[in-house]
Amino acid sequence: MRHIIDLSHPITAGMPVYHGDPEVRCNMVGAIKDSGYNITELVMGTHTGTHMDAPRHCIHTDQGVDSLPLEAMIGWAEVLDVGEKLPCSEITSADLDVFADRVVEGSRVLIRTGWGKRFGSPEFFTDFPDLSEGAALWLTKRKIALLALEQPSVHRKNHVDVHKLLLSTGVVLIESAANMDQITQDRVYMVALPLRLAGLDGSPIRLIAIEGMSDSE
């Protein structure tokens, strides 16, 4: 039986956002009692909640989120459980070595750390586990297609360099994935679709994992 797991944080007015990002605002501009329709103006940043980064996020390029390859965003994904990572800890290449036989060219990779369960807590945006530069190199050397993390960014201090390392090599990067603790299988069918925001540096996404599908489907 198929089981669909929503790996996206809900977007709500006033929700927690990364320091310096725009606050999420939902303003009613039309009401049923007046016009027959409810219409809402939504104001938020391109990296709100569960979101996808484009190369333009940190590289001088015109490659926005609308130009990322759709084939990287839909298909089978490997779930790499590196254990419950502590605050201010690190994901290292040694953590990933145990999965070497599962991560090959074109792989989609979801790294489970348990950090997504801390969304809404004060330390979520400040004390998250870093993806070390060595771990990022480990992934890019294998020419993966997509990487999804529970953390709100790739690194607390060296975030620009690690972002550039991943995005400059064509990796589609997802941050702030939710509910990875609900995944029960090592391999899931994944769908991660951004808004078609022309030329922009990122987009909130709806990320889902489907369990119970066969390779022939």
N, C-alpha and C. Protein backbone atom coordinates (compact mmCIF):
# COMPACT_ATOMS: atom_id res chain seq x y z
N MET A 1 0.84 -1.19 0.00
CA MET A 1 0.00 0.00 0.00
C MET A 1 0.88 1.25 0.00
N ARG A 2 0.53 2.21 -0.80
CA ARG A 2 1.30 3.44 -0.86
C ARG A 2 1.03 4.31 0.36
N HIS A 3 2.08 4.99 0.79
CA HIS A 3 1.99 5.90 1.92
C HIS A 3 2.69 7.19 1.53
N ILE A 4 1.96 8.30 1.55
CA ILE A 4 2.52 9.59 1.17
C ILE A 4 2.88 10.37 2.43
N ILE A 5 4.13 10.83 2.51
CA ILE A 5 4.61 11.58 3.65
C ILE A 5 4.93 13.00 3.20
N ASP A 6 4.32 13.96 3.83
CA ASP A 6 4.57 15.36 3.51
C ASP A 6 5.84 15.80 4.24
N LEU A 7 6.87 16.15 3.49
CA LEU A 7 8.14 16.56 4.06
C LEU A 7 8.30 18.08 4.07
N SER A 8 7.17 18.79 4.05
CA SER A 8 7.19 20.26 3.99
C SER A 8 6.64 20.85 5.29
N HIS A 9 7.28 21.90 5.77
CA HIS A 9 6.72 22.66 6.88
C HIS A 9 5.58 23.52 6.37
N PRO A 10 4.48 23.62 7.11
CA PRO A 10 3.39 24.51 6.67
C PRO A 10 3.83 25.96 6.71
N ILE A 11 3.36 26.72 5.74
CA ILE A 11 3.66 28.16 5.68
C ILE A 11 2.51 28.91 6.33
N THR A 12 2.83 29.65 7.39
CA THR A 12 1.82 30.38 8.15
C THR A 12 2.32 31.79 8.44
N ALA A 13 1.41 32.70 8.63
CA ALA A 13 1.77 34.08 8.96
C ALA A 13 2.56 34.10 10.26
N GLY A 14 3.69 34.81 10.24
CA GLY A 14 4.50 34.94 11.44
C GLY A 14 5.32 33.73 11.80
N MET A 15 5.42 32.76 10.91
CA MET A 15 6.19 31.54 11.19
C MET A 15 7.67 31.87 11.36
N PRO A 16 8.44 30.98 12.00
CA PRO A 16 9.88 31.24 12.14
C PRO A 16 10.57 31.26 10.78
N VAL A 17 11.46 32.22 10.60
CA VAL A 17 12.25 32.32 9.37
C VAL A 17 13.71 32.55 9.74
N TYR A 18 14.60 32.28 8.80
CA TYR A 18 16.03 32.48 9.01
C TYR A 18 16.29 33.96 9.29
N HIS A 19 17.26 34.22 10.16
CA HIS A 19 17.57 35.60 10.54
C HIS A 19 17.85 36.46 9.30
N GLY A 20 17.12 37.55 9.21
CA GLY A 20 17.28 38.47 8.09
C GLY A 20 16.31 38.24 6.95
N ASP A 21 15.64 37.10 6.94
CA ASP A 21 14.65 36.84 5.89
C ASP A 21 13.34 37.58 6.18
N PRO A 22 12.55 37.85 5.14
CA PRO A 22 11.30 38.57 5.36
C PRO A 22 10.31 37.76 6.20
N GLU A 23 9.58 38.44 7.02
CA GLU A 23 8.51 37.81 7.79
C GLU A 23 7.39 37.40 6.84
N VAL A 24 6.75 36.28 7.14
CA VAL A 24 5.61 35.84 6.33
C VAL A 24 4.36 36.60 6.77
N ARG A 25 3.69 37.21 5.79
CA ARG A 25 2.46 37.94 6.08
C ARG A 25 1.36 37.48 5.13
N CYS A 26 0.18 37.30 5.67
CA CYS A 26 -1.00 36.92 4.89
C CYS A 26 -2.06 38.00 5.10
N ASN A 27 -2.30 38.78 4.07
CA ASN A 27 -3.23 39.91 4.19
C ASN A 27 -4.46 39.67 3.33
N MET A 28 -5.62 39.67 3.95
CA MET A 28 -6.86 39.51 3.21
C MET A 28 -7.15 40.77 2.40
N VAL A 29 -7.27 40.62 1.08
CA VAL A 29 -7.57 41.76 0.22
C VAL A 29 -8.94 41.63 -0.44
N GLY A 30 -9.60 40.51 -0.20
CA GLY A 30 -10.95 40.30 -0.71
C GLY A 30 -11.69 39.36 0.20
N ALA A 31 -12.96 39.60 0.41
CA ALA A 31 -13.77 38.77 1.31
C ALA A 31 -15.05 38.34 0.62
N ILE A 32 -15.53 37.15 0.97
CA ILE A 32 -16.76 36.62 0.36
C ILE A 32 -17.93 37.57 0.58
N LYS A 33 -17.99 38.16 1.76
CA LYS A 33 -19.14 39.03 2.06
C LYS A 33 -19.16 40.28 1.19
N ASP A 34 -18.00 40.65 0.65
CA ASP A 34 -17.92 41.86 -0.17
C ASP A 34 -17.97 41.56 -1.66
N SER A 35 -17.16 40.58 -2.10
CA SER A 35 -17.03 40.34 -3.53
C SER A 35 -17.44 38.94 -3.97
N GLY A 36 -17.74 38.09 -2.99
CA GLY A 36 -18.08 36.70 -3.32
C GLY A 36 -16.88 35.78 -3.27
N TYR A 37 -15.66 36.33 -3.04
CA TYR A 37 -14.44 35.52 -3.03
C TYR A 37 -13.52 35.97 -1.89
N ASN A 38 -12.84 35.02 -1.29
CA ASN A 38 -11.71 35.33 -0.41
C ASN A 38 -10.44 35.38 -1.25
N ILE A 39 -9.66 36.43 -1.12
CA ILE A 39 -8.38 36.58 -1.83
C ILE A 39 -7.36 37.08 -0.81
N THR A 40 -6.18 36.45 -0.83
CA THR A 40 -5.15 36.78 0.15
C THR A 40 -3.87 37.22 -0.55
N GLU A 41 -3.31 38.30 -0.08
CA GLU A 41 -1.97 38.72 -0.51
C GLU A 41 -0.96 38.01 0.39
N LEU A 42 -0.04 37.27 -0.23
CA LEU A 42 0.97 36.52 0.50
C LEU A 42 2.33 37.18 0.31
N VAL A 43 3.00 37.52 1.40
CA VAL A 43 4.32 38.14 1.36
C VAL A 43 5.30 37.24 2.10
N MET A 44 6.37 36.82 1.42
CA MET A 44 7.36 35.95 2.07
C MET A 44 8.64 35.95 1.23
N GLY A 45 9.71 35.47 1.82
CA GLY A 45 10.97 35.35 1.12
C GLY A 45 11.04 34.07 0.30
N THR A 46 11.99 34.04 -0.60
CA THR A 46 12.15 32.88 -1.48
C THR A 46 12.73 31.67 -0.77
N HIS A 47 13.21 31.86 0.47
CA HIS A 47 13.80 30.75 1.23
C HIS A 47 13.00 30.49 2.50
N THR A 48 11.68 30.63 2.39
CA THR A 48 10.78 30.42 3.52
C THR A 48 10.48 28.93 3.69
N GLY A 49 10.52 28.46 4.92
CA GLY A 49 10.14 27.08 5.22
C GLY A 49 10.97 26.07 4.43
N THR A 50 10.34 25.00 4.02
CA THR A 50 10.99 24.00 3.16
C THR A 50 11.16 24.63 1.78
N HIS A 51 12.41 24.74 1.33
CA HIS A 51 12.66 25.52 0.12
C HIS A 51 13.81 24.93 -0.70
N MET A 52 13.90 25.38 -1.93
CA MET A 52 14.93 24.95 -2.85
C MET A 52 15.82 26.14 -3.21
N ASP A 53 17.14 25.90 -3.19
CA ASP A 53 18.10 26.93 -3.58
C ASP A 53 18.48 26.78 -5.04
N ALA A 54 18.65 27.90 -5.70
CA ALA A 54 19.16 27.92 -7.07
C ALA A 54 20.59 28.47 -7.05
N PRO A 55 21.39 28.20 -8.09
CA PRO A 55 22.74 28.75 -8.13
C PRO A 55 22.79 30.25 -7.91
N ARG A 56 21.78 30.97 -8.38
CA ARG A 56 21.76 32.43 -8.25
C ARG A 56 21.72 32.88 -6.78
N HIS A 57 21.43 31.95 -5.88
CA HIS A 57 21.38 32.28 -4.45
C HIS A 57 22.72 32.82 -3.95
N CYS A 58 23.83 32.29 -4.48
CA CYS A 58 25.14 32.73 -3.97
C CYS A 58 26.23 32.80 -5.04
N ILE A 59 25.84 32.62 -6.31
CA ILE A 59 26.80 32.64 -7.41
C ILE A 59 26.36 33.69 -8.42
N HIS A 60 27.30 34.41 -9.01
CA HIS A 60 26.97 35.41 -10.03
C HIS A 60 26.59 34.68 -11.32
N THR A 61 25.30 34.41 -11.46
CA THR A 61 24.79 33.69 -12.60
C THR A 61 23.32 34.04 -12.79
N ASP A 62 22.81 33.79 -13.98
CA ASP A 62 21.39 34.01 -14.24
C ASP A 62 20.57 32.74 -13.99
N GLN A 63 21.20 31.69 -13.50
CA GLN A 63 20.50 30.42 -13.34
C GLN A 63 19.61 30.46 -12.09
N GLY A 64 18.34 30.73 -12.34
CA GLY A 64 17.36 30.81 -11.27
C GLY A 64 16.66 29.49 -11.04
N VAL A 65 15.75 29.49 -10.09
CA VAL A 65 15.09 28.24 -9.69
C VAL A 65 14.24 27.67 -10.82
N ASP A 66 13.77 28.51 -11.72
CA ASP A 66 12.94 28.02 -12.83
C ASP A 66 13.74 27.26 -13.87
N SER A 67 15.08 27.37 -13.82
CA SER A 67 15.93 26.69 -14.80
C SER A 67 16.48 25.35 -14.29
N LEU A 68 16.19 25.00 -13.05
CA LEU A 68 16.69 23.74 -12.50
C LEU A 68 16.00 22.56 -13.16
N PRO A 69 16.70 21.45 -13.36
CA PRO A 69 16.14 20.31 -14.10
C PRO A 69 15.03 19.59 -13.33
N LEU A 70 13.86 19.51 -13.94
CA LEU A 70 12.74 18.84 -13.29
C LEU A 70 13.02 17.37 -13.03
N GLU A 71 13.83 16.75 -13.89
CA GLU A 71 14.11 15.32 -13.71
C GLU A 71 14.88 15.05 -12.42
N ALA A 72 15.58 16.06 -11.90
CA ALA A 72 16.28 15.88 -10.63
C ALA A 72 15.32 15.91 -9.45
N MET A 73 14.15 16.49 -9.64
CA MET A 73 13.23 16.73 -8.54
C MET A 73 12.19 15.64 -8.36
N ILE A 74 12.12 14.70 -9.29
CA ILE A 74 11.10 13.66 -9.24
C ILE A 74 11.78 12.31 -9.50
N GLY A 75 11.60 11.38 -8.58
CA GLY A 75 12.16 10.05 -8.79
C GLY A 75 12.60 9.41 -7.48
N TRP A 76 13.29 8.29 -7.59
CA TRP A 76 13.72 7.55 -6.42
C TRP A 76 14.81 8.30 -5.68
N ALA A 77 14.75 8.25 -4.34
CA ALA A 77 15.71 8.95 -3.49
C ALA A 77 16.20 8.02 -2.40
N GLU A 78 17.47 8.15 -2.06
CA GLU A 78 18.08 7.37 -0.99
C GLU A 78 17.97 8.14 0.32
N VAL A 79 17.46 7.49 1.35
CA VAL A 79 17.34 8.09 2.68
C VAL A 79 18.55 7.65 3.50
N LEU A 80 19.43 8.60 3.82
CA LEU A 80 20.65 8.29 4.56
C LEU A 80 20.46 8.74 6.01
N ASP A 81 20.31 7.80 6.90
CA ASP A 81 20.09 8.11 8.32
C ASP A 81 21.44 8.17 9.02
N VAL A 82 21.88 9.37 9.39
CA VAL A 82 23.17 9.54 10.06
C VAL A 82 23.00 9.66 11.58
N GLY A 83 21.81 9.32 12.07
CA GLY A 83 21.56 9.36 13.50
C GLY A 83 21.10 10.73 13.97
N GLU A 84 20.66 10.79 15.22
CA GLU A 84 20.20 12.05 15.81
C GLU A 84 21.41 12.94 16.08
N LYS A 85 21.59 13.92 15.24
CA LYS A 85 22.74 14.81 15.38
C LYS A 85 22.47 15.85 16.48
N LEU A 86 23.48 16.07 17.31
CA LEU A 86 23.38 17.02 18.40
C LEU A 86 23.53 18.45 17.89
N PRO A 87 23.07 19.43 18.67
CA PRO A 87 23.27 20.83 18.29
C PRO A 87 24.74 21.13 18.06
N CYS A 88 25.01 21.93 17.02
CA CYS A 88 26.36 22.39 16.68
C CYS A 88 27.31 21.24 16.35
N SER A 89 26.77 20.09 15.96
CA SER A 89 27.60 18.97 15.54
C SER A 89 27.86 19.06 14.04
N GLU A 90 28.34 17.97 13.44
CA GLU A 90 28.76 18.02 12.04
C GLU A 90 28.45 16.69 11.35
N ILE A 91 28.00 16.79 10.12
CA ILE A 91 27.90 15.61 9.24
C ILE A 91 29.21 15.54 8.47
N THR A 92 29.91 14.44 8.60
CA THR A 92 31.23 14.29 7.99
C THR A 92 31.19 13.27 6.86
N SER A 93 32.27 13.24 6.10
CA SER A 93 32.37 12.23 5.04
C SER A 93 32.36 10.83 5.63
N ALA A 94 32.91 10.67 6.84
CA ALA A 94 32.89 9.36 7.50
C ALA A 94 31.46 8.91 7.78
N ASP A 95 30.57 9.86 8.12
CA ASP A 95 29.16 9.53 8.32
C ASP A 95 28.54 8.97 7.04
N LEU A 96 29.02 9.45 5.89
CA LEU A 96 28.43 9.06 4.61
C LEU A 96 29.08 7.82 4.01
N ASP A 97 30.28 7.48 4.46
CA ASP A 97 31.00 6.34 3.88
C ASP A 97 30.20 5.04 3.94
N VAL A 98 29.40 4.88 4.98
CA VAL A 98 28.62 3.64 5.14
C VAL A 98 27.55 3.50 4.06
N PHE A 99 27.26 4.60 3.36
CA PHE A 99 26.23 4.58 2.31
C PHE A 99 26.84 4.60 0.91
N ALA A 100 28.13 4.38 0.81
CA ALA A 100 28.83 4.55 -0.47
C ALA A 100 28.24 3.71 -1.59
N ASP A 101 27.76 2.51 -1.28
CA ASP A 101 27.23 1.64 -2.32
C ASP A 101 25.85 2.07 -2.80
N ARG A 102 25.21 2.99 -2.08
CA ARG A 102 23.86 3.44 -2.43
C ARG A 102 23.84 4.79 -3.14
N VAL A 103 24.94 5.52 -3.08
CA VAL A 103 24.98 6.87 -3.64
C VAL A 103 25.87 6.87 -4.88
N VAL A 104 25.23 7.03 -6.04
CA VAL A 104 25.94 6.97 -7.32
C VAL A 104 25.58 8.21 -8.13
N GLU A 105 26.15 8.32 -9.30
CA GLU A 105 25.86 9.46 -10.17
C GLU A 105 24.36 9.54 -10.44
N GLY A 106 23.79 10.72 -10.26
CA GLY A 106 22.37 10.94 -10.48
C GLY A 106 21.47 10.64 -9.30
N SER A 107 22.05 10.21 -8.18
CA SER A 107 21.24 9.90 -7.01
C SER A 107 20.57 11.15 -6.43
N ARG A 108 19.40 10.94 -5.89
CA ARG A 108 18.74 11.95 -5.05
C ARG A 108 18.94 11.49 -3.61
N VAL A 109 19.37 12.39 -2.76
CA VAL A 109 19.79 12.02 -1.41
C VAL A 109 19.03 12.84 -0.37
N LEU A 110 18.40 12.15 0.58
CA LEU A 110 17.78 12.79 1.73
C LEU A 110 18.60 12.40 2.96
N ILE A 111 19.18 13.38 3.65
CA ILE A 111 19.99 13.08 4.83
C ILE A 111 19.15 13.35 6.09
N ARG A 112 18.94 12.27 6.86
CA ARG A 112 18.11 12.37 8.06
C ARG A 112 19.00 12.55 9.29
N THR A 113 18.75 13.63 10.02
CA THR A 113 19.53 13.95 11.22
C THR A 113 18.66 14.09 12.47
N GLY A 114 17.34 14.16 12.29
CA GLY A 114 16.46 14.42 13.41
C GLY A 114 16.24 15.90 13.69
N TRP A 115 16.95 16.76 12.95
CA TRP A 115 16.87 18.19 13.24
C TRP A 115 15.52 18.80 12.89
N GLY A 116 14.83 18.24 11.93
CA GLY A 116 13.54 18.78 11.54
C GLY A 116 12.53 18.81 12.67
N LYS A 117 12.69 17.91 13.64
CA LYS A 117 11.76 17.89 14.78
C LYS A 117 11.93 19.10 15.68
N ARG A 118 13.00 19.85 15.50
CA ARG A 118 13.25 21.03 16.32
C ARG A 118 12.71 22.31 15.69
N PHE A 119 12.05 22.20 14.54
CA PHE A 119 11.51 23.39 13.89
C PHE A 119 10.58 24.12 14.85
N GLY A 120 10.77 25.42 14.97
CA GLY A 120 9.97 26.21 15.91
C GLY A 120 10.67 26.46 17.23
N SER A 121 11.74 25.71 17.49
CA SER A 121 12.50 25.92 18.73
C SER A 121 13.55 27.01 18.51
N PRO A 122 14.02 27.66 19.57
CA PRO A 122 14.97 28.78 19.41
C PRO A 122 16.27 28.37 18.71
N GLU A 123 16.71 27.11 18.92
CA GLU A 123 18.00 26.71 18.37
C GLU A 123 17.93 26.21 16.92
N PHE A 124 16.73 26.11 16.35
CA PHE A 124 16.61 25.52 15.02
C PHE A 124 17.47 26.25 14.00
N PHE A 125 17.47 27.58 14.03
CA PHE A 125 18.20 28.37 13.04
C PHE A 125 19.63 28.72 13.47
N THR A 126 20.00 28.42 14.70
CA THR A 126 21.31 28.85 15.19
C THR A 126 22.28 27.72 15.51
N ASP A 127 21.76 26.56 15.92
CA ASP A 127 22.62 25.48 16.43
C ASP A 127 22.54 24.20 15.61
N PHE A 128 22.09 24.30 14.37
CA PHE A 128 21.88 23.10 13.56
C PHE A 128 23.20 22.41 13.21
N PRO A 129 23.16 21.11 12.91
CA PRO A 129 24.37 20.40 12.51
C PRO A 129 24.86 20.89 11.15
N ASP A 130 26.17 21.07 11.03
CA ASP A 130 26.76 21.50 9.77
C ASP A 130 26.97 20.34 8.82
N LEU A 131 26.81 20.59 7.54
CA LEU A 131 27.30 19.68 6.51
C LEU A 131 28.74 20.09 6.24
N SER A 132 29.69 19.28 6.65
CA SER A 132 31.09 19.66 6.50
C SER A 132 31.46 19.79 5.03
N GLU A 133 32.53 20.53 4.79
CA GLU A 133 33.01 20.66 3.41
C GLU A 133 33.43 19.30 2.86
N GLY A 134 33.99 18.45 3.73
CA GLY A 134 34.36 17.10 3.30
C GLY A 134 33.15 16.28 2.89
N ALA A 135 32.05 16.40 3.62
CA ALA A 135 30.82 15.69 3.27
C ALA A 135 30.24 16.22 1.96
N ALA A 136 30.30 17.55 1.79
CA ALA A 136 29.81 18.14 0.53
C ALA A 136 30.65 17.65 -0.65
N LEU A 137 31.97 17.57 -0.47
CA LEU A 137 32.83 17.05 -1.53
C LEU A 137 32.52 15.59 -1.82
N TRP A 138 32.27 14.82 -0.77
CA TRP A 138 31.91 13.41 -0.91
C TRP A 138 30.70 13.26 -1.83
N LEU A 139 29.71 14.13 -1.64
CA LEU A 139 28.48 14.08 -2.44
C LEU A 139 28.70 14.56 -3.86
N THR A 140 29.45 15.66 -4.02
CA THR A 140 29.64 16.20 -5.37
C THR A 140 30.53 15.30 -6.21
N LYS A 141 31.48 14.62 -5.60
CA LYS A 141 32.33 13.69 -6.35
C LYS A 141 31.51 12.54 -6.93
N ARG A 142 30.42 12.22 -6.29
CA ARG A 142 29.54 11.17 -6.79
C ARG A 142 28.50 11.71 -7.76
N LYS A 143 28.54 13.00 -8.02
CA LYS A 143 27.68 13.66 -9.01
C LYS A 143 26.20 13.41 -8.73
N ILE A 144 25.81 13.62 -7.47
CA ILE A 144 24.40 13.44 -7.14
C ILE A 144 23.57 14.52 -7.82
N ALA A 145 22.29 14.23 -8.00
CA ALA A 145 21.39 15.19 -8.66
C ALA A 145 20.73 16.12 -7.67
N LEU A 146 20.45 15.63 -6.46
CA LEU A 146 19.67 16.42 -5.50
C LEU A 146 20.07 16.04 -4.08
N LEU A 147 20.09 17.04 -3.21
CA LEU A 147 20.35 16.84 -1.79
C LEU A 147 19.28 17.56 -0.99
N ALA A 148 18.65 16.85 -0.04
CA ALA A 148 17.67 17.46 0.86
C ALA A 148 18.15 17.30 2.29
N LEU A 149 18.12 18.41 3.03
CA LEU A 149 18.55 18.46 4.41
C LEU A 149 17.41 18.91 5.31
N GLU A 150 17.43 18.47 6.56
CA GLU A 150 16.47 18.96 7.55
C GLU A 150 16.87 20.32 8.10
N GLN A 151 18.15 20.67 7.99
CA GLN A 151 18.65 21.92 8.53
C GLN A 151 18.22 23.11 7.67
N PRO A 152 18.17 24.32 8.25
CA PRO A 152 17.76 25.50 7.49
C PRO A 152 18.84 26.03 6.57
N SER A 153 20.08 25.55 6.72
CA SER A 153 21.18 25.93 5.84
C SER A 153 22.21 24.81 5.88
N VAL A 154 23.22 24.93 5.04
CA VAL A 154 24.20 23.85 4.94
C VAL A 154 25.27 23.91 6.03
N HIS A 155 25.52 25.11 6.55
CA HIS A 155 26.60 25.27 7.52
C HIS A 155 26.37 26.55 8.31
N ARG A 156 26.68 26.55 9.60
CA ARG A 156 26.43 27.73 10.43
C ARG A 156 27.41 28.86 10.14
N LYS A 157 28.67 28.54 9.85
CA LYS A 157 29.68 29.58 9.63
C LYS A 157 30.18 29.59 8.19
N ASN A 158 30.48 28.42 7.66
CA ASN A 158 31.07 28.32 6.32
C ASN A 158 30.00 28.10 5.26
N HIS A 159 28.84 28.74 5.45
CA HIS A 159 27.69 28.45 4.60
C HIS A 159 27.88 28.90 3.16
N VAL A 160 28.56 30.02 2.94
CA VAL A 160 28.73 30.49 1.55
C VAL A 160 29.57 29.50 0.76
N ASP A 161 30.69 29.06 1.31
CA ASP A 161 31.57 28.14 0.58
C ASP A 161 30.90 26.80 0.32
N VAL A 162 30.18 26.28 1.31
CA VAL A 162 29.53 24.97 1.13
C VAL A 162 28.37 25.09 0.14
N HIS A 163 27.62 26.19 0.21
CA HIS A 163 26.58 26.43 -0.79
C HIS A 163 27.18 26.44 -2.20
N LYS A 164 28.25 27.21 -2.37
CA LYS A 164 28.86 27.32 -3.70
C LYS A 164 29.39 25.98 -4.19
N LEU A 165 29.96 25.21 -3.29
CA LEU A 165 30.49 23.90 -3.67
C LEU A 165 29.38 23.01 -4.23
N LEU A 166 28.23 23.02 -3.60
CA LEU A 166 27.12 22.18 -4.05
C LEU A 166 26.45 22.76 -5.30
N LEU A 167 26.09 24.03 -5.23
CA LEU A 167 25.30 24.62 -6.32
C LEU A 167 26.11 24.80 -7.60
N SER A 168 27.41 25.00 -7.49
CA SER A 168 28.23 25.18 -8.70
C SER A 168 28.44 23.88 -9.45
N THR A 169 28.17 22.76 -8.80
CA THR A 169 28.35 21.46 -9.46
C THR A 169 27.02 20.86 -9.92
N GLY A 170 25.95 21.66 -9.84
CA GLY A 170 24.67 21.22 -10.39
C GLY A 170 23.76 20.51 -9.42
N VAL A 171 24.12 20.45 -8.15
CA VAL A 171 23.26 19.80 -7.17
C VAL A 171 22.03 20.67 -6.90
N VAL A 172 20.85 20.08 -7.00
CA VAL A 172 19.63 20.76 -6.58
C VAL A 172 19.55 20.63 -5.05
N LEU A 173 19.47 21.76 -4.36
CA LEU A 173 19.60 21.77 -2.90
C LEU A 173 18.28 22.15 -2.24
N ILE A 174 17.85 21.31 -1.31
CA ILE A 174 16.63 21.55 -0.53
C ILE A 174 17.03 21.68 0.94
N GLU A 175 16.49 22.69 1.60
CA GLU A 175 16.77 22.91 3.02
C GLU A 175 15.46 22.97 3.81
N SER A 176 15.55 22.67 5.10
CA SER A 176 14.41 22.68 6.02
C SER A 176 13.34 21.66 5.64
N ALA A 177 13.77 20.48 5.25
CA ALA A 177 12.80 19.39 5.04
C ALA A 177 12.19 18.99 6.38
N ALA A 178 10.94 18.61 6.35
CA ALA A 178 10.20 18.26 7.57
C ALA A 178 9.86 16.77 7.59
N ASN A 179 9.56 16.26 8.76
CA ASN A 179 8.95 14.94 8.94
C ASN A 179 9.76 13.77 8.41
N MET A 180 11.08 13.93 8.31
CA MET A 180 11.88 12.79 7.85
C MET A 180 11.82 11.62 8.82
N ASP A 181 11.49 11.91 10.08
CA ASP A 181 11.38 10.83 11.07
C ASP A 181 10.21 9.90 10.77
N GLN A 182 9.29 10.33 9.90
CA GLN A 182 8.15 9.49 9.53
C GLN A 182 8.47 8.51 8.41
N ILE A 183 9.61 8.68 7.77
CA ILE A 183 10.01 7.78 6.69
C ILE A 183 10.48 6.45 7.30
N THR A 184 9.97 5.34 6.79
CA THR A 184 10.30 4.01 7.34
C THR A 184 11.17 3.18 6.41
N GLN A 185 11.41 3.67 5.20
CA GLN A 185 12.17 2.91 4.21
C GLN A 185 13.47 3.61 3.86
N ASP A 186 14.44 2.85 3.39
CA ASP A 186 15.73 3.41 2.98
C ASP A 186 15.67 4.08 1.61
N ARG A 187 14.62 3.79 0.86
CA ARG A 187 14.49 4.33 -0.49
C ARG A 187 13.03 4.68 -0.73
N VAL A 188 12.79 5.90 -1.16
CA VAL A 188 11.42 6.38 -1.36
C VAL A 188 11.33 7.06 -2.72
N TYR A 189 10.10 7.17 -3.23
CA TYR A 189 9.87 7.96 -4.43
C TYR A 189 9.59 9.39 -3.97
N MET A 190 10.31 10.34 -4.54
CA MET A 190 10.29 11.71 -4.06
C MET A 190 9.78 12.67 -5.13
N VAL A 191 9.02 13.66 -4.69
CA VAL A 191 8.59 14.75 -5.57
C VAL A 191 8.87 16.06 -4.84
N ALA A 192 9.58 16.97 -5.51
CA ALA A 192 9.96 18.25 -4.90
C ALA A 192 9.82 19.33 -5.96
N LEU A 193 8.74 20.10 -5.92
CA LEU A 193 8.49 21.07 -6.98
C LEU A 193 8.46 22.49 -6.45
N PRO A 194 9.33 23.36 -7.00
CA PRO A 194 9.31 24.78 -6.64
C PRO A 194 8.28 25.53 -7.47
N LEU A 195 7.94 26.73 -7.03
CA LEU A 195 7.18 27.62 -7.90
C LEU A 195 8.06 28.01 -9.08
N ARG A 196 7.43 28.28 -10.22
CA ARG A 196 8.20 28.66 -11.40
C ARG A 196 8.47 30.16 -11.36
N LEU A 197 9.39 30.52 -10.46
CA LEU A 197 9.73 31.93 -10.24
C LEU A 197 10.88 32.29 -11.17
N ALA A 198 10.58 33.06 -12.20
CA ALA A 198 11.54 33.31 -13.27
C ALA A 198 12.78 34.03 -12.77
N GLY A 199 13.93 33.35 -12.87
CA GLY A 199 15.21 33.95 -12.56
C GLY A 199 15.51 34.17 -11.10
N LEU A 200 14.64 33.71 -10.20
CA LEU A 200 14.85 34.01 -8.78
C LEU A 200 15.76 32.97 -8.12
N ASP A 201 16.26 33.34 -6.94
CA ASP A 201 17.32 32.59 -6.27
C ASP A 201 16.85 31.38 -5.49
N GLY A 202 15.55 31.19 -5.36
CA GLY A 202 15.02 30.04 -4.64
C GLY A 202 13.52 30.08 -4.63
N SER A 203 12.93 29.06 -3.98
CA SER A 203 11.47 29.00 -3.90
C SER A 203 11.05 28.06 -2.78
N PRO A 204 10.01 28.43 -2.03
CA PRO A 204 9.37 27.44 -1.17
C PRO A 204 8.86 26.28 -2.03
N ILE A 205 8.87 25.08 -1.48
CA ILE A 205 8.44 23.92 -2.25
C ILE A 205 7.48 23.05 -1.44
N ARG A 206 6.78 22.17 -2.15
CA ARG A 206 6.04 21.07 -1.52
C ARG A 206 6.86 19.82 -1.80
N LEU A 207 7.41 19.26 -0.75
CA LEU A 207 8.27 18.08 -0.85
C LEU A 207 7.52 16.89 -0.26
N ILE A 208 7.41 15.81 -1.03
CA ILE A 208 6.73 14.62 -0.53
C ILE A 208 7.57 13.38 -0.81
N ALA A 209 7.39 12.38 0.03
CA ALA A 209 7.99 11.07 -0.18
C ALA A 209 6.86 10.04 -0.25
N ILE A 210 7.00 9.09 -1.18
CA ILE A 210 5.98 8.06 -1.34
C ILE A 210 6.63 6.71 -1.04
N GLU A 211 6.09 6.02 -0.06
CA GLU A 211 6.54 4.67 0.26
C GLU A 211 5.57 3.65 -0.35
N GLY A 212 6.07 2.47 -0.63
CA GLY A 212 5.23 1.40 -1.13
C GLY A 212 5.12 1.32 -2.64
N MET A 213 5.91 2.11 -3.37
CA MET A 213 5.92 2.02 -4.82
C MET A 213 6.98 1.02 -5.26
N SER A 214 6.78 0.45 -6.45
CA SER A 214 7.76 -0.48 -6.99
C SER A 214 8.56 0.20 -8.09
N ASP A 215 9.73 -0.36 -8.40
CA ASP A 215 10.58 0.23 -9.43
C ASP A 215 9.92 0.24 -10.79
N SER A 216 8.96 -0.64 -11.01
CA SER A 216 8.32 -0.73 -12.32
C SER A 216 7.25 0.33 -12.53
N GLU A 217 6.85 1.03 -11.47
CA GLU A 217 5.79 2.03 -11.61
C GLU A 217 6.34 3.33 -12.16
